[in-house]
Amino acid sequence: TLATIPAGRQVSFAVAPGYVYRMLQTTNMAGPWTSIGTLTGPETGVSTFIDTNASTGQSFYRTVTP
């Protein structure tokens, strides 16, 4: 899910616990995609990432494993 919060944009998504994910962001689906952070999936199976540098326009997000 994606939500706008006072700190920026919050992205929550299902993960495999213990796996490492990179969060990528772009303002155009064609790219370029920029890596904005790395996280490890928690035991709950749901991770939350907050993009504190989100653009004021539209943004697209995806996750990849290294």
PDB file of N, CA and C in Angstrom:
ATOM      1  N   THR A   1       0.834  -1.182   0.000  1.00  0.00           N
ATOM      2  CA  THR A   1       0.000   0.000   0.000  1.00  0.00           C
ATOM      3  C   THR A   1       0.875   1.239   0.000  1.00  0.00           C
ATOM      4  N   LEU A   2       0.304   2.326  -0.457  1.00  0.00           N
ATOM      5  CA  LEU A   2       1.031   3.587  -0.519  1.00  0.00           C
ATOM      6  C   LEU A   2       0.198   4.646   0.173  1.00  0.00           C
ATOM      7  N   ALA A   3       0.817   5.416   1.053  1.00  0.00           N
ATOM      8  CA  ALA A   3       0.115   6.476   1.772  1.00  0.00           C
ATOM      9  C   ALA A   3       1.019   7.692   1.874  1.00  0.00           C
ATOM     10  N   THR A   4       0.422   8.868   1.814  1.00  0.00           N
ATOM     11  CA  THR A   4       1.161  10.104   2.053  1.00  0.00           C
ATOM     12  C   THR A   4       1.022  10.443   3.527  1.00  0.00           C
ATOM     13  N   ILE A   5       2.153  10.627   4.182  1.00  0.00           N
ATOM     14  CA  ILE A   5       2.184  10.951   5.607  1.00  0.00           C
ATOM     15  C   ILE A   5       3.016  12.231   5.769  1.00  0.00           C
ATOM     16  N   PRO A   6       2.968  12.871   6.935  1.00  0.00           N
ATOM     17  CA  PRO A   6       3.740  14.108   7.111  1.00  0.00           C
ATOM     18  C   PRO A   6       5.235  13.961   6.801  1.00  0.00           C
ATOM     19  N   ALA A   7       5.817  12.792   7.044  1.00  0.00           N
ATOM     20  CA  ALA A   7       7.248  12.588   6.810  1.00  0.00           C
ATOM     21  C   ALA A   7       7.585  12.309   5.348  1.00  0.00           C
ATOM     22  N   GLY A   8       6.588  12.035   4.512  1.00  0.00           N
ATOM     23  CA  GLY A   8       6.832  11.720   3.108  1.00  0.00           C
ATOM     24  C   GLY A   8       5.817  10.722   2.587  1.00  0.00           C
ATOM     25  N   ARG A   9       6.267   9.736   1.814  1.00  0.00           N
ATOM     26  CA  ARG A   9       5.384   8.681   1.314  1.00  0.00           C
ATOM     27  C   ARG A   9       5.760   7.372   1.990  1.00  0.00           C
ATOM     28  N   GLN A  10       4.757   6.669   2.466  1.00  0.00           N
ATOM     29  CA  GLN A  10       4.963   5.404   3.163  1.00  0.00           C
ATOM     30  C   GLN A  10       4.515   4.265   2.255  1.00  0.00           C
ATOM     31  N   VAL A  11       5.428   3.318   2.011  1.00  0.00           N
ATOM     32  CA  VAL A  11       5.152   2.161   1.172  1.00  0.00           C
ATOM     33  C   VAL A  11       5.215   0.915   2.057  1.00  0.00           C
ATOM     34  N   SER A  12       4.132   0.145   2.087  1.00  0.00           N
ATOM     35  CA  SER A  12       4.096  -1.106   2.852  1.00  0.00           C
ATOM     36  C   SER A  12       3.886  -2.252   1.873  1.00  0.00           C
ATOM     37  N   PHE A  13       4.600  -3.360   2.079  1.00  0.00           N
ATOM     38  CA  PHE A  13       4.508  -4.474   1.142  1.00  0.00           C
ATOM     39  C   PHE A  13       4.899  -5.781   1.821  1.00  0.00           C
ATOM     40  N   ALA A  14       4.409  -6.878   1.245  1.00  0.00           N
ATOM     41  CA  ALA A  14       4.711  -8.213   1.766  1.00  0.00           C
ATOM     42  C   ALA A  14       6.160  -8.570   1.458  1.00  0.00           C
ATOM     43  N   VAL A  15       6.815  -9.238   2.408  1.00  0.00           N
ATOM     44  CA  VAL A  15       8.215  -9.636   2.254  1.00  0.00           C
ATOM     45  C   VAL A  15       8.408 -11.053   2.781  1.00  0.00           C
ATOM     46  N   ALA A  16       9.513 -11.643   2.407  1.00  0.00           N
ATOM     47  CA  ALA A  16       9.941 -12.908   2.997  1.00  0.00           C
ATOM     48  C   ALA A  16      10.865 -12.548   4.158  1.00  0.00           C
ATOM     49  N   PRO A  17      10.543 -12.971   5.372  1.00  0.00           N
ATOM     50  CA  PRO A  17      11.378 -12.634   6.526  1.00  0.00           C
ATOM     51  C   PRO A  17      12.848 -13.000   6.303  1.00  0.00           C
ATOM     52  N   GLY A  18      13.725 -12.044   6.622  1.00  0.00           N
ATOM     53  CA  GLY A  18      15.160 -12.273   6.515  1.00  0.00           C
ATOM     54  C   GLY A  18      15.756 -11.955   5.160  1.00  0.00           C
ATOM     55  N   TYR A  19      14.936 -11.776   4.130  1.00  0.00           N
ATOM     56  CA  TYR A  19      15.452 -11.438   2.804  1.00  0.00           C
ATOM     57  C   TYR A  19      15.727  -9.941   2.718  1.00  0.00           C
ATOM     58  N   VAL A  20      16.732  -9.568   1.925  1.00  0.00           N
ATOM     59  CA  VAL A  20      17.095  -8.168   1.742  1.00  0.00           C
ATOM     60  C   VAL A  20      16.409  -7.632   0.493  1.00  0.00           C
ATOM     61  N   TYR A  21      15.869  -6.424   0.604  1.00  0.00           N
ATOM     62  CA  TYR A  21      15.175  -5.772  -0.504  1.00  0.00           C
ATOM     63  C   TYR A  21      15.745  -4.382  -0.719  1.00  0.00           C
ATOM     64  N   ARG A  22      15.812  -3.964  -1.986  1.00  0.00           N
ATOM     65  CA  ARG A  22      16.165  -2.584  -2.320  1.00  0.00           C
ATOM     66  C   ARG A  22      14.892  -1.904  -2.793  1.00  0.00           C
ATOM     67  N   MET A  23      14.644  -0.713  -2.316  1.00  0.00           N
ATOM     68  CA  MET A  23      13.500   0.074  -2.744  1.00  0.00           C
ATOM     69  C   MET A  23      13.963   1.010  -3.848  1.00  0.00           C
ATOM     70  N   LEU A  24      13.251   0.991  -4.980  1.00  0.00           N
ATOM     71  CA  LEU A  24      13.574   1.850  -6.112  1.00  0.00           C
ATOM     72  C   LEU A  24      12.422   2.819  -6.346  1.00  0.00           C
ATOM     73  N   GLN A  25      12.749   4.009  -6.837  1.00  0.00           N
ATOM     74  CA  GLN A  25      11.742   5.038  -7.085  1.00  0.00           C
ATOM     75  C   GLN A  25      12.027   5.732  -8.398  1.00  0.00           C
ATOM     76  N   THR A  26      10.965   6.151  -9.083  1.00  0.00           N
ATOM     77  CA  THR A  26      11.082   6.953 -10.293  1.00  0.00           C
ATOM     78  C   THR A  26       9.850   7.839 -10.411  1.00  0.00           C
ATOM     79  N   THR A  27       9.936   8.872 -11.212  1.00  0.00           N
ATOM     80  CA  THR A  27       8.771   9.713 -11.485  1.00  0.00           C
ATOM     81  C   THR A  27       8.196   9.392 -12.860  1.00  0.00           C
ATOM     82  N   ASN A  28       8.823   8.429 -13.562  1.00  0.00           N
ATOM     83  CA  ASN A  28       8.411   8.058 -14.904  1.00  0.00           C
ATOM     84  C   ASN A  28       8.577   6.547 -15.038  1.00  0.00           C
ATOM     85  N   MET A  29       7.529   5.814 -15.356  1.00  0.00           N
ATOM     86  CA  MET A  29       7.597   4.348 -15.413  1.00  0.00           C
ATOM     87  C   MET A  29       8.718   3.830 -16.313  1.00  0.00           C
ATOM     88  N   ALA A  30       9.141   4.621 -17.282  1.00  0.00           N
ATOM     89  CA  ALA A  30      10.216   4.202 -18.176  1.00  0.00           C
ATOM     90  C   ALA A  30      11.588   4.340 -17.525  1.00  0.00           C
ATOM     91  N   GLY A  31      11.637   5.000 -16.356  1.00  0.00           N
ATOM     92  CA  GLY A  31      12.908   5.148 -15.654  1.00  0.00           C
ATOM     93  C   GLY A  31      13.539   6.485 -15.932  1.00  0.00           C
ATOM     94  N   PRO A  32      14.703   6.681 -15.429  1.00  0.00           N
ATOM     95  CA  PRO A  32      15.535   5.724 -14.712  1.00  0.00           C
ATOM     96  C   PRO A  32      15.027   5.490 -13.288  1.00  0.00           C
ATOM     97  N   TRP A  33      15.264   4.284 -12.786  1.00  0.00           N
ATOM     98  CA  TRP A  33      14.898   3.904 -11.427  1.00  0.00           C
ATOM     99  C   TRP A  33      16.089   4.207 -10.522  1.00  0.00           C
ATOM    100  N   THR A  34      15.827   4.821  -9.388  1.00  0.00           N
ATOM    101  CA  THR A  34      16.865   5.202  -8.440  1.00  0.00           C
ATOM    102  C   THR A  34      16.704   4.409  -7.152  1.00  0.00           C
ATOM    103  N   SER A  35      17.795   3.828  -6.663  1.00  0.00           N
ATOM    104  CA  SER A  35      17.769   3.108  -5.394  1.00  0.00           C
ATOM    105  C   SER A  35      17.678   4.136  -4.266  1.00  0.00           C
ATOM    106  N   ILE A  36      16.653   3.997  -3.401  1.00  0.00           N
ATOM    107  CA  ILE A  36      16.470   4.969  -2.320  1.00  0.00           C
ATOM    108  C   ILE A  36      16.613   4.339  -0.936  1.00  0.00           C
ATOM    109  N   GLY A  37      16.901   3.044  -0.886  1.00  0.00           N
ATOM    110  CA  GLY A  37      17.097   2.423   0.412  1.00  0.00           C
ATOM    111  C   GLY A  37      17.138   0.915   0.339  1.00  0.00           C
ATOM    112  N   THR A  38      17.601   0.308   1.411  1.00  0.00           N
ATOM    113  CA  THR A  38      17.689  -1.148   1.539  1.00  0.00           C
ATOM    114  C   THR A  38      17.089  -1.541   2.876  1.00  0.00           C
ATOM    115  N   LEU A  39      16.393  -2.656   2.898  1.00  0.00           N
ATOM    116  CA  LEU A  39      15.823  -3.137   4.155  1.00  0.00           C
ATOM    117  C   LEU A  39      15.797  -4.653   4.164  1.00  0.00           C
ATOM    118  N   THR A  40      15.683  -5.215   5.354  1.00  0.00           N
ATOM    119  CA  THR A  40      15.575  -6.655   5.547  1.00  0.00           C
ATOM    120  C   THR A  40      14.166  -6.963   6.024  1.00  0.00           C
ATOM    121  N   GLY A  41      13.533  -7.952   5.392  1.00  0.00           N
ATOM    122  CA  GLY A  41      12.167  -8.308   5.747  1.00  0.00           C
ATOM    123  C   GLY A  41      12.053  -8.771   7.189  1.00  0.00           C
ATOM    124  N   PRO A  42      11.127  -8.172   7.947  1.00  0.00           N
ATOM    125  CA  PRO A  42      10.940  -8.566   9.341  1.00  0.00           C
ATOM    126  C   PRO A  42      10.136  -9.868   9.454  1.00  0.00           C
ATOM    127  N   GLU A  43      10.116 -10.438  10.629  1.00  0.00           N
ATOM    128  CA  GLU A  43       9.399 -11.693  10.885  1.00  0.00           C
ATOM    129  C   GLU A  43       7.899 -11.578  10.644  1.00  0.00           C
ATOM    130  N   THR A  44       7.356 -10.378  10.701  1.00  0.00           N
ATOM    131  CA  THR A  44       5.908 -10.182  10.503  1.00  0.00           C
ATOM    132  C   THR A  44       5.480 -10.454   9.067  1.00  0.00           C
ATOM    133  N   GLY A  45       6.440 -10.407   8.115  1.00  0.00           N
ATOM    134  CA  GLY A  45       6.122 -10.629   6.706  1.00  0.00           C
ATOM    135  C   GLY A  45       5.618  -9.392   5.989  1.00  0.00           C
ATOM    136  N   VAL A  46       5.582  -8.260   6.686  1.00  0.00           N
ATOM    137  CA  VAL A  46       5.174  -6.989   6.080  1.00  0.00           C
ATOM    138  C   VAL A  46       6.214  -5.941   6.446  1.00  0.00           C
ATOM    139  N   SER A  47       6.694  -5.215   5.448  1.00  0.00           N
ATOM    140  CA  SER A  47       7.702  -4.190   5.694  1.00  0.00           C
ATOM    141  C   SER A  47       7.138  -2.828   5.313  1.00  0.00           C
ATOM    142  N   THR A  48       7.642  -1.795   5.962  1.00  0.00           N
ATOM    143  CA  THR A  48       7.232  -0.423   5.672  1.00  0.00           C
ATOM    144  C   THR A  48       8.472   0.407   5.407  1.00  0.00           C
ATOM    145  N   PHE A  49       8.425   1.158   4.314  1.00  0.00           N
ATOM    146  CA  PHE A  49       9.525   2.050   3.954  1.00  0.00           C
ATOM    147  C   PHE A  49       8.944   3.447   3.816  1.00  0.00           C
ATOM    148  N   ILE A  50       9.614   4.451   4.369  1.00  0.00           N
ATOM    149  CA  ILE A  50       9.164   5.831   4.241  1.00  0.00           C
ATOM    150  C   ILE A  50      10.152   6.599   3.374  1.00  0.00           C
ATOM    151  N   ASP A  51       9.654   7.115   2.262  1.00  0.00           N
ATOM    152  CA  ASP A  51      10.452   7.926   1.346  1.00  0.00           C
ATOM    153  C   ASP A  51      10.355   9.364   1.818  1.00  0.00           C
ATOM    154  N   THR A  52      11.374   9.820   2.528  1.00  0.00           N
ATOM    155  CA  THR A  52      11.363  11.172   3.086  1.00  0.00           C
ATOM    156  C   THR A  52      11.754  12.231   2.055  1.00  0.00           C
ATOM    157  N   ASN A  53      12.205  11.783   0.881  1.00  0.00           N
ATOM    158  CA  ASN A  53      12.588  12.713  -0.198  1.00  0.00           C
ATOM    159  C   ASN A  53      11.664  12.586  -1.396  1.00  0.00           C
ATOM    160  N   ALA A  54      10.418  12.198  -1.167  1.00  0.00           N
ATOM    161  CA  ALA A  54       9.474  11.991  -2.261  1.00  0.00           C
ATOM    162  C   ALA A  54       9.260  13.280  -3.052  1.00  0.00           C
ATOM    163  N   SER A  55       9.115  13.127  -4.364  1.00  0.00           N
ATOM    164  CA  SER A  55       8.868  14.299  -5.205  1.00  0.00           C
ATOM    165  C   SER A  55       7.460  14.825  -4.927  1.00  0.00           C
ATOM    166  N   THR A  56       7.226  16.064  -5.292  1.00  0.00           N
ATOM    167  CA  THR A  56       5.906  16.649  -5.078  1.00  0.00           C
ATOM    168  C   THR A  56       4.897  16.165  -6.111  1.00  0.00           C
ATOM    169  N   GLY A  57       5.384  15.619  -7.213  1.00  0.00           N
ATOM    170  CA  GLY A  57       4.508  15.072  -8.245  1.00  0.00           C
ATOM    171  C   GLY A  57       4.293  13.590  -8.025  1.00  0.00           C
ATOM    172  N   GLN A  58       4.016  12.872  -9.099  1.00  0.00           N
ATOM    173  CA  GLN A  58       3.797  11.432  -8.979  1.00  0.00           C
ATOM    174  C   GLN A  58       5.116  10.682  -8.818  1.00  0.00           C
ATOM    175  N   SER A  59       5.042   9.568  -8.128  1.00  0.00           N
ATOM    176  CA  SER A  59       6.199   8.690  -7.939  1.00  0.00           C
ATOM    177  C   SER A  59       5.742   7.251  -8.108  1.00  0.00           C
ATOM    178  N   PHE A  60       6.640   6.429  -8.590  1.00  0.00           N
ATOM    179  CA  PHE A  60       6.405   4.991  -8.713  1.00  0.00           C
ATOM    180  C   PHE A  60       7.468   4.287  -7.891  1.00  0.00           C
ATOM    181  N   TYR A  61       7.082   3.176  -7.263  1.00  0.00           N
ATOM    182  CA  TYR A  61       8.002   2.437  -6.402  1.00  0.00           C
ATOM    183  C   TYR A  61       8.004   0.968  -6.794  1.00  0.00           C
ATOM    184  N   ARG A  62       9.150   0.332  -6.617  1.00  0.00           N
ATOM    185  CA  ARG A  62       9.245  -1.127  -6.787  1.00  0.00           C
ATOM    186  C   ARG A  62      10.358  -1.623  -5.889  1.00  0.00           C
ATOM    187  N   THR A  63      10.311  -2.921  -5.619  1.00  0.00           N
ATOM    188  CA  THR A  63      11.355  -3.541  -4.811  1.00  0.00           C
ATOM    189  C   THR A  63      12.060  -4.582  -5.651  1.00  0.00           C
ATOM    190  N   VAL A  64      13.335  -4.762  -5.378  1.00  0.00           N
ATOM    191  CA  VAL A  64      14.129  -5.797  -6.017  1.00  0.00           C
ATOM    192  C   VAL A  64      15.016  -6.419  -4.955  1.00  0.00           C
ATOM    193  N   THR A  65      15.437  -7.652  -5.192  1.00  0.00           N
ATOM    194  CA  THR A  65      16.391  -8.264  -4.285  1.00  0.00           C
ATOM    195  C   THR A  65      17.772  -8.153  -4.922  1.00  0.00           C
ATOM    196  N   PRO A  66      18.764  -7.870  -4.099  1.00  0.00           N
ATOM    197  CA  PRO A  66      20.123  -7.678  -4.655  1.00  0.00           C
ATOM    198  C   PRO A  66      20.629  -8.891  -5.412  1.00  0.00           C
TER     199      PRO A  66
END
